[in-house]
Amino acid sequence: MKRYVCILLGCMLWSAATNARTAEERNGGTLVEIATSMGKIKVRLYDDTPQHRDNFIRHVNAHQYDGLLFHRVIRQFMIQAGDVNSKDAPPEQKLGDGDLDYTVPAEIVYPKYFHKRGQLCAARTGDDLNPEKASSATQFYIVTGKYFTEMELNRMESEQRISLTPEQRKAYMLEGGSPHLDGAYTVFGEVVRGMKVVDKIQFVQTGENDRPLKNVKIKSVKIVKK
């Protein structure tokens, strides 16, 4: 009997792992592994945001992100990286303005992609200087967000005069996210593995300008599947 139970359990575990891999393959897109000083995060880049996908891949292949920091971390909101000035930056250095000399045209595929937990998004400057909502060449963030009640979502719809889809409402109530950013920033990928690492990063102690007091470094970024 014990042998049969072990065999059955082994089959179930194998099936679950296979299904997870199959889901990643079925969803398509390019898979990228971000190795940080706190663990590994695997993200999938969306094919229907091709300019952001190709821009990110170009930086990965050039090792642009290797050694950079998660320079802005806000609990129940997001973790942000990609400031090109953050590599080896001393603790007193203000970060957040480092970028390259170009922007990426907005590819806001909304409401298909919205700011639910685990989404990979492009940072950008504000609307006053950037009405086209063009994205930073290098800076990105991963949404952590918070849970919302049905009442809170109803009030948000009324106050902001928006209409959330059933999928959005379900995600923000059951998974969490940052709905106030919807439709304003390009969402170009999602975390498929490693949200525990993202959560570890979001809860680190931070100081001025939301910079972690102890550096959270990107060790390397590599494409693991095209």
C-alpha atoms as a PDB file:
ATOM      1  CA  MET A   1       0.000   0.000   0.000  1.00  0.00           C
ATOM      2  CA  LYS A   2       2.775   2.450   0.940  1.00  0.00           C
ATOM      3  CA  ARG A   3       4.461   1.795  -2.385  1.00  0.00           C
ATOM      4  CA  TYR A   4       1.291   2.603  -4.325  1.00  0.00           C
ATOM      5  CA  VAL A   5       0.781   5.807  -2.304  1.00  0.00           C
ATOM      6  CA  CYS A   6       4.362   6.916  -3.063  1.00  0.00           C
ATOM      7  CA  ILE A   7       3.927   6.144  -6.742  1.00  0.00           C
ATOM      8  CA  LEU A   8       0.635   8.060  -6.842  1.00  0.00           C
ATOM      9  CA  LEU A   9       2.149  11.033  -5.010  1.00  0.00           C
ATOM     10  CA  GLY A  10       5.132  11.022  -7.358  1.00  0.00           C
ATOM     11  CA  CYS A  11       2.827  11.021 -10.379  1.00  0.00           C
ATOM     12  CA  MET A  12       0.818  13.901  -8.948  1.00  0.00           C
ATOM     13  CA  LEU A  13       3.954  15.991  -8.295  1.00  0.00           C
ATOM     14  CA  TRP A  14       5.293  15.224 -11.776  1.00  0.00           C
ATOM     15  CA  SER A  15       1.952  16.149 -13.317  1.00  0.00           C
ATOM     16  CA  ALA A  16       1.810  19.468 -11.408  1.00  0.00           C
ATOM     17  CA  ALA A  17       5.347  20.392 -12.475  1.00  0.00           C
ATOM     18  CA  THR A  18       4.612  19.410 -16.079  1.00  0.00           C
ATOM     19  CA  ASN A  19       1.405  21.437 -16.099  1.00  0.00           C
ATOM     20  CA  ALA A  20       3.275  24.501 -14.778  1.00  0.00           C
ATOM     21  CA  ARG A  21       5.908  24.188 -17.510  1.00  0.00           C
ATOM     22  CA  THR A  22       3.242  23.570 -20.129  1.00  0.00           C
ATOM     23  CA  ALA A  23       1.338  26.687 -19.016  1.00  0.00           C
ATOM     24  CA  GLU A  24       4.457  28.810 -19.473  1.00  0.00           C
ATOM     25  CA  GLU A  25       5.071  27.338 -22.911  1.00  0.00           C
ATOM     26  CA  ARG A  26       1.428  27.648 -23.921  1.00  0.00           C
ATOM     27  CA  ASN A  27       1.315  31.329 -22.972  1.00  0.00           C
ATOM     28  CA  GLY A  28       4.236  32.049 -25.295  1.00  0.00           C
ATOM     29  CA  GLY A  29       6.505  35.036 -24.962  1.00  0.00           C
ATOM     30  CA  THR A  30      10.146  35.253 -23.967  1.00  0.00           C
ATOM     31  CA  LEU A  31      11.121  34.001 -20.523  1.00  0.00           C
ATOM     32  CA  VAL A  32      13.770  35.957 -18.639  1.00  0.00           C
ATOM     33  CA  GLU A  33      15.416  35.077 -15.336  1.00  0.00           C
ATOM     34  CA  ILE A  34      16.374  37.945 -13.028  1.00  0.00           C
ATOM     35  CA  ALA A  35      18.858  36.712 -10.431  1.00  0.00           C
ATOM     36  CA  THR A  36      18.911  39.055  -7.435  1.00  0.00           C
ATOM     37  CA  SER A  37      20.814  39.080  -4.162  1.00  0.00           C
ATOM     38  CA  MET A  38      17.601  37.815  -2.540  1.00  0.00           C
ATOM     39  CA  GLY A  39      16.704  35.089  -5.039  1.00  0.00           C
ATOM     40  CA  LYS A  40      15.569  34.492  -8.610  1.00  0.00           C
ATOM     41  CA  ILE A  41      12.551  35.930 -10.410  1.00  0.00           C
ATOM     42  CA  LYS A  42      11.360  34.576 -13.746  1.00  0.00           C
ATOM     43  CA  VAL A  43       9.294  36.867 -15.966  1.00  0.00           C
ATOM     44  CA  ARG A  44       7.512  36.381 -19.263  1.00  0.00           C
ATOM     45  CA  LEU A  45       7.654  39.226 -21.793  1.00  0.00           C
ATOM     46  CA  TYR A  46       4.482  39.810 -23.795  1.00  0.00           C
ATOM     47  CA  ASP A  47       4.626  39.531 -27.571  1.00  0.00           C
ATOM     48  CA  ASP A  48       1.918  42.156 -28.054  1.00  0.00           C
ATOM     49  CA  THR A  49       4.144  44.858 -26.544  1.00  0.00           C
ATOM     50  CA  PRO A  50       6.951  44.198 -29.057  1.00  0.00           C
ATOM     51  CA  GLN A  51       8.904  47.434 -28.674  1.00  0.00           C
ATOM     52  CA  HIS A  52       9.180  46.989 -24.910  1.00  0.00           C
ATOM     53  CA  ARG A  53       9.948  43.292 -25.304  1.00  0.00           C
ATOM     54  CA  ASP A  54      12.731  43.923 -27.811  1.00  0.00           C
ATOM     55  CA  ASN A  55      14.129  46.826 -25.794  1.00  0.00           C
ATOM     56  CA  PHE A  56      14.283  44.692 -22.644  1.00  0.00           C
ATOM     57  CA  ILE A  57      15.886  41.780 -24.502  1.00  0.00           C
ATOM     58  CA  ARG A  58      18.486  44.115 -25.995  1.00  0.00           C
ATOM     59  CA  HIS A  59      19.465  45.288 -22.506  1.00  0.00           C
ATOM     60  CA  VAL A  60      19.557  41.708 -21.227  1.00  0.00           C
ATOM     61  CA  ASN A  61      21.890  40.623 -24.026  1.00  0.00           C
ATOM     62  CA  ALA A  62      24.114  43.651 -23.372  1.00  0.00           C
ATOM     63  CA  HIS A  63      24.202  42.869 -19.617  1.00  0.00           C
ATOM     64  CA  GLN A  64      22.845  46.372 -18.983  1.00  0.00           C
ATOM     65  CA  TYR A  65      21.011  45.304 -15.819  1.00  0.00           C
ATOM     66  CA  ASP A  66      23.809  43.275 -14.245  1.00  0.00           C
ATOM     67  CA  GLY A  67      24.895  44.941 -11.020  1.00  0.00           C
ATOM     68  CA  LEU A  68      22.072  47.493 -10.856  1.00  0.00           C
ATOM     69  CA  LEU A  69      19.956  47.932  -7.733  1.00  0.00           C
ATOM     70  CA  PHE A  70      16.298  47.808  -6.846  1.00  0.00           C
ATOM     71  CA  HIS A  71      16.539  51.474  -5.952  1.00  0.00           C
ATOM     72  CA  ARG A  72      12.884  52.185  -5.070  1.00  0.00           C
ATOM     73  CA  VAL A  73      10.805  49.812  -2.963  1.00  0.00           C
ATOM     74  CA  ILE A  74       7.352  50.586  -1.555  1.00  0.00           C
ATOM     75  CA  ARG A  75       5.400  48.021   0.429  1.00  0.00           C
ATOM     76  CA  GLN A  76       2.007  47.069  -0.989  1.00  0.00           C
ATOM     77  CA  PHE A  77       2.846  48.934  -4.189  1.00  0.00           C
ATOM     78  CA  MET A  78       5.889  47.865  -6.244  1.00  0.00           C
ATOM     79  CA  ILE A  79       9.632  47.265  -6.500  1.00  0.00           C
ATOM     80  CA  GLN A  80      11.589  49.289  -9.077  1.00  0.00           C
ATOM     81  CA  ALA A  81      14.979  48.844 -10.756  1.00  0.00           C
ATOM     82  CA  GLY A  82      16.896  49.862 -13.863  1.00  0.00           C
ATOM     83  CA  ASP A  83      18.492  53.172 -12.840  1.00  0.00           C
ATOM     84  CA  VAL A  84      21.752  53.033 -14.808  1.00  0.00           C
ATOM     85  CA  ASN A  85      23.467  55.129 -12.131  1.00  0.00           C
ATOM     86  CA  SER A  86      22.677  52.674  -9.351  1.00  0.00           C
ATOM     87  CA  LYS A  87      25.567  50.287  -9.970  1.00  0.00           C
ATOM     88  CA  ASP A  88      28.026  50.645  -7.090  1.00  0.00           C
ATOM     89  CA  ALA A  89      26.110  53.740  -5.915  1.00  0.00           C
ATOM     90  CA  PRO A  90      27.119  54.844  -2.398  1.00  0.00           C
ATOM     91  CA  PRO A  91      24.379  54.790   0.281  1.00  0.00           C
ATOM     92  CA  GLU A  92      23.968  58.574   0.297  1.00  0.00           C
ATOM     93  CA  GLN A  93      23.460  58.872  -3.474  1.00  0.00           C
ATOM     94  CA  LYS A  94      19.956  59.785  -4.604  1.00  0.00           C
ATOM     95  CA  LEU A  95      18.725  57.383  -7.251  1.00  0.00           C
ATOM     96  CA  GLY A  96      15.839  57.341  -9.687  1.00  0.00           C
ATOM     97  CA  ASP A  97      16.928  59.689 -12.461  1.00  0.00           C
ATOM     98  CA  GLY A  98      19.431  57.433 -14.203  1.00  0.00           C
ATOM     99  CA  ASP A  99      18.379  56.469 -17.724  1.00  0.00           C
ATOM    100  CA  LEU A 100      19.589  56.294 -21.322  1.00  0.00           C
ATOM    101  CA  ASP A 101      19.092  59.021 -23.927  1.00  0.00           C
ATOM    102  CA  TYR A 102      15.873  57.689 -25.460  1.00  0.00           C
ATOM    103  CA  THR A 103      12.371  56.580 -24.533  1.00  0.00           C
ATOM    104  CA  VAL A 104      10.159  53.713 -25.713  1.00  0.00           C
ATOM    105  CA  PRO A 105       6.771  54.661 -27.236  1.00  0.00           C
ATOM    106  CA  ALA A 106       3.853  53.668 -25.035  1.00  0.00           C
ATOM    107  CA  GLU A 107       2.276  50.265 -25.726  1.00  0.00           C
ATOM    108  CA  ILE A 108      -0.628  50.361 -23.310  1.00  0.00           C
ATOM    109  CA  VAL A 109      -2.743  47.286 -24.054  1.00  0.00           C
ATOM    110  CA  TYR A 110      -5.592  48.050 -21.668  1.00  0.00           C
ATOM    111  CA  PRO A 111      -7.749  46.506 -20.260  1.00  0.00           C
ATOM    112  CA  LYS A 112      -6.114  43.247 -21.383  1.00  0.00           C
ATOM    113  CA  TYR A 113      -3.092  44.071 -19.265  1.00  0.00           C
ATOM    114  CA  PHE A 114      -3.565  45.900 -15.999  1.00  0.00           C
ATOM    115  CA  HIS A 115      -1.725  46.420 -12.711  1.00  0.00           C
ATOM    116  CA  LYS A 116      -2.541  43.236 -10.867  1.00  0.00           C
ATOM    117  CA  ARG A 117       0.032  41.637  -8.579  1.00  0.00           C
ATOM    118  CA  GLY A 118       3.099  40.323 -10.412  1.00  0.00           C
ATOM    119  CA  GLN A 119       2.901  42.476 -13.530  1.00  0.00           C
ATOM    120  CA  LEU A 120       6.134  43.765 -15.097  1.00  0.00           C
ATOM    121  CA  CYS A 121       5.766  47.401 -16.137  1.00  0.00           C
ATOM    122  CA  ALA A 122       7.823  50.243 -17.583  1.00  0.00           C
ATOM    123  CA  ALA A 123       8.545  53.289 -15.445  1.00  0.00           C
ATOM    124  CA  ARG A 124       8.292  56.758 -16.993  1.00  0.00           C
ATOM    125  CA  THR A 125       8.302  60.472 -16.264  1.00  0.00           C
ATOM    126  CA  GLY A 126       5.072  62.256 -15.357  1.00  0.00           C
ATOM    127  CA  ASP A 127       2.334  63.441 -17.704  1.00  0.00           C
ATOM    128  CA  ASP A 128       3.334  67.091 -17.397  1.00  0.00           C
ATOM    129  CA  LEU A 129       6.635  66.385 -19.160  1.00  0.00           C
ATOM    130  CA  ASN A 130       5.515  63.277 -20.975  1.00  0.00           C
ATOM    131  CA  PRO A 131       1.916  63.469 -22.215  1.00  0.00           C
ATOM    132  CA  GLU A 132       2.551  60.630 -24.685  1.00  0.00           C
ATOM    133  CA  LYS A 133       3.288  58.324 -21.715  1.00  0.00           C
ATOM    134  CA  ALA A 134       6.527  57.121 -23.311  1.00  0.00           C
ATOM    135  CA  SER A 135       8.486  54.664 -21.185  1.00  0.00           C
ATOM    136  CA  SER A 136      11.945  54.837 -19.669  1.00  0.00           C
ATOM    137  CA  ALA A 137      14.629  53.117 -21.728  1.00  0.00           C
ATOM    138  CA  THR A 138      15.764  51.005 -18.782  1.00  0.00           C
ATOM    139  CA  GLN A 139      13.686  51.438 -15.627  1.00  0.00           C
ATOM    140  CA  PHE A 140      10.988  48.910 -14.794  1.00  0.00           C
ATOM    141  CA  TYR A 141       8.876  47.871 -11.820  1.00  0.00           C
ATOM    142  CA  ILE A 142       7.069  44.773 -10.604  1.00  0.00           C
ATOM    143  CA  VAL A 143       3.666  45.284  -8.995  1.00  0.00           C
ATOM    144  CA  THR A 144       3.009  43.954  -5.511  1.00  0.00           C
ATOM    145  CA  GLY A 145       0.003  46.092  -4.581  1.00  0.00           C
ATOM    146  CA  LYS A 146      -2.669  45.392  -2.010  1.00  0.00           C
ATOM    147  CA  TYR A 147      -6.076  43.711  -1.789  1.00  0.00           C
ATOM    148  CA  PHE A 148      -9.236  45.708  -2.434  1.00  0.00           C
ATOM    149  CA  THR A 149     -12.770  45.122  -1.220  1.00  0.00           C
ATOM    150  CA  GLU A 150     -15.758  45.269  -3.523  1.00  0.00           C
ATOM    151  CA  MET A 151     -16.843  48.482  -1.799  1.00  0.00           C
ATOM    152  CA  GLU A 152     -13.447  50.100  -2.424  1.00  0.00           C
ATOM    153  CA  LEU A 153     -13.561  49.165  -6.090  1.00  0.00           C
ATOM    154  CA  ASN A 154     -17.096  50.522  -6.408  1.00  0.00           C
ATOM    155  CA  ARG A 155     -15.998  53.817  -4.861  1.00  0.00           C
ATOM    156  CA  MET A 156     -12.980  53.958  -7.171  1.00  0.00           C
ATOM    157  CA  GLU A 157     -15.193  53.496 -10.217  1.00  0.00           C
ATOM    158  CA  SER A 158     -17.527  56.250  -9.037  1.00  0.00           C
ATOM    159  CA  GLU A 159     -14.824  58.760  -8.081  1.00  0.00           C
ATOM    160  CA  GLN A 160     -12.599  58.204 -11.110  1.00  0.00           C
ATOM    161  CA  ARG A 161     -15.478  57.632 -13.522  1.00  0.00           C
ATOM    162  CA  ILE A 162     -13.994  54.391 -14.800  1.00  0.00           C
ATOM    163  CA  SER A 163     -15.411  50.954 -15.425  1.00  0.00           C
ATOM    164  CA  LEU A 164     -13.448  47.928 -14.215  1.00  0.00           C
ATOM    165  CA  THR A 165     -13.841  44.645 -16.075  1.00  0.00           C
ATOM    166  CA  PRO A 166     -14.949  41.526 -14.188  1.00  0.00           C
ATOM    167  CA  GLU A 167     -11.397  40.204 -14.594  1.00  0.00           C
ATOM    168  CA  GLN A 168      -9.935  43.332 -13.010  1.00  0.00           C
ATOM    169  CA  ARG A 169     -12.344  43.242 -10.091  1.00  0.00           C
ATOM    170  CA  LYS A 170     -11.642  39.570  -9.435  1.00  0.00           C
ATOM    171  CA  ALA A 171      -7.863  40.071  -9.616  1.00  0.00           C
ATOM    172  CA  TYR A 172      -7.797  43.119  -7.340  1.00  0.00           C
ATOM    173  CA  MET A 173      -9.973  41.402  -4.757  1.00  0.00           C
ATOM    174  CA  LEU A 174      -8.273  37.983  -4.781  1.00  0.00           C
ATOM    175  CA  GLU A 175      -4.686  38.730  -5.861  1.00  0.00           C
ATOM    176  CA  GLY A 176      -4.183  42.432  -5.197  1.00  0.00           C
ATOM    177  CA  GLY A 177      -2.576  45.132  -7.285  1.00  0.00           C
ATOM    178  CA  SER A 178      -2.328  48.862  -7.957  1.00  0.00           C
ATOM    179  CA  PRO A 179      -5.386  49.834 -10.039  1.00  0.00           C
ATOM    180  CA  HIS A 180      -4.700  53.587  -9.888  1.00  0.00           C
ATOM    181  CA  LEU A 181      -1.945  53.029 -12.503  1.00  0.00           C
ATOM    182  CA  ASP A 182      -4.178  51.252 -14.999  1.00  0.00           C
ATOM    183  CA  GLY A 183      -4.143  52.653 -18.509  1.00  0.00           C
ATOM    184  CA  ALA A 184      -1.317  55.067 -17.703  1.00  0.00           C
ATOM    185  CA  TYR A 185       1.806  52.870 -17.863  1.00  0.00           C
ATOM    186  CA  THR A 186       2.885  50.118 -20.227  1.00  0.00           C
ATOM    187  CA  VAL A 187       2.521  46.613 -18.808  1.00  0.00           C
ATOM    188  CA  PHE A 188       4.857  44.412 -20.846  1.00  0.00           C
ATOM    189  CA  GLY A 189       5.229  41.182 -18.907  1.00  0.00           C
ATOM    190  CA  GLU A 190       4.463  39.187 -15.794  1.00  0.00           C
ATOM    191  CA  VAL A 191       6.188  37.158 -13.106  1.00  0.00           C
ATOM    192  CA  VAL A 192       5.721  33.437 -13.725  1.00  0.00           C
ATOM    193  CA  ARG A 193       7.949  32.252 -10.885  1.00  0.00           C
ATOM    194  CA  GLY A 194       9.543  33.925  -7.877  1.00  0.00           C
ATOM    195  CA  MET A 195       6.845  36.121  -6.338  1.00  0.00           C
ATOM    196  CA  LYS A 196       8.134  35.027  -2.928  1.00  0.00           C
ATOM    197  CA  VAL A 197      11.383  36.761  -3.839  1.00  0.00           C
ATOM    198  CA  VAL A 198       9.475  39.864  -4.964  1.00  0.00           C
ATOM    199  CA  ASP A 199       7.688  39.872  -1.605  1.00  0.00           C
ATOM    200  CA  LYS A 200      10.973  39.534   0.285  1.00  0.00           C
ATOM    201  CA  ILE A 201      12.254  42.577  -1.579  1.00  0.00           C
ATOM    202  CA  GLN A 202       9.118  44.663  -0.994  1.00  0.00           C
ATOM    203  CA  PHE A 203       9.407  44.205   2.765  1.00  0.00           C
ATOM    204  CA  VAL A 204      13.045  45.267   3.171  1.00  0.00           C
ATOM    205  CA  GLN A 205      13.708  48.296   5.339  1.00  0.00           C
ATOM    206  CA  THR A 206      13.977  51.500   3.331  1.00  0.00           C
ATOM    207  CA  GLY A 207      15.212  55.022   3.935  1.00  0.00           C
ATOM    208  CA  GLU A 208      15.031  58.320   2.104  1.00  0.00           C
ATOM    209  CA  ASN A 209      13.426  58.217  -1.361  1.00  0.00           C
ATOM    210  CA  ASP A 210      12.291  54.629  -0.659  1.00  0.00           C
ATOM    211  CA  ARG A 211      15.780  53.240  -1.292  1.00  0.00           C
ATOM    212  CA  PRO A 212      16.551  50.001   0.592  1.00  0.00           C
ATOM    213  CA  LEU A 213      18.981  50.564   3.455  1.00  0.00           C
ATOM    214  CA  LYS A 214      20.759  47.358   2.463  1.00  0.00           C
ATOM    215  CA  ASN A 215      21.345  47.079  -1.274  1.00  0.00           C
ATOM    216  CA  VAL A 216      19.176  44.637  -3.203  1.00  0.00           C
ATOM    217  CA  LYS A 217      21.257  43.933  -6.284  1.00  0.00           C
ATOM    218  CA  ILE A 218      20.495  42.409  -9.665  1.00  0.00           C
ATOM    219  CA  LYS A 219      23.288  39.864 -10.072  1.00  0.00           C
ATOM    220  CA  SER A 220      22.447  38.911 -13.632  1.00  0.00           C
ATOM    221  CA  VAL A 221      19.617  38.769 -16.135  1.00  0.00           C
ATOM    222  CA  LYS A 222      19.417  36.137 -18.844  1.00  0.00           C
ATOM    223  CA  ILE A 223      16.973  34.793 -21.407  1.00  0.00           C
ATOM    224  CA  VAL A 224      15.998  31.250 -20.529  1.00  0.00           C
ATOM    225  CA  LYS A 225      13.533  30.576 -23.348  1.00  0.00           C
ATOM    226  CA  LYS A 226      12.501  32.382 -26.513  1.00  0.00           C
END
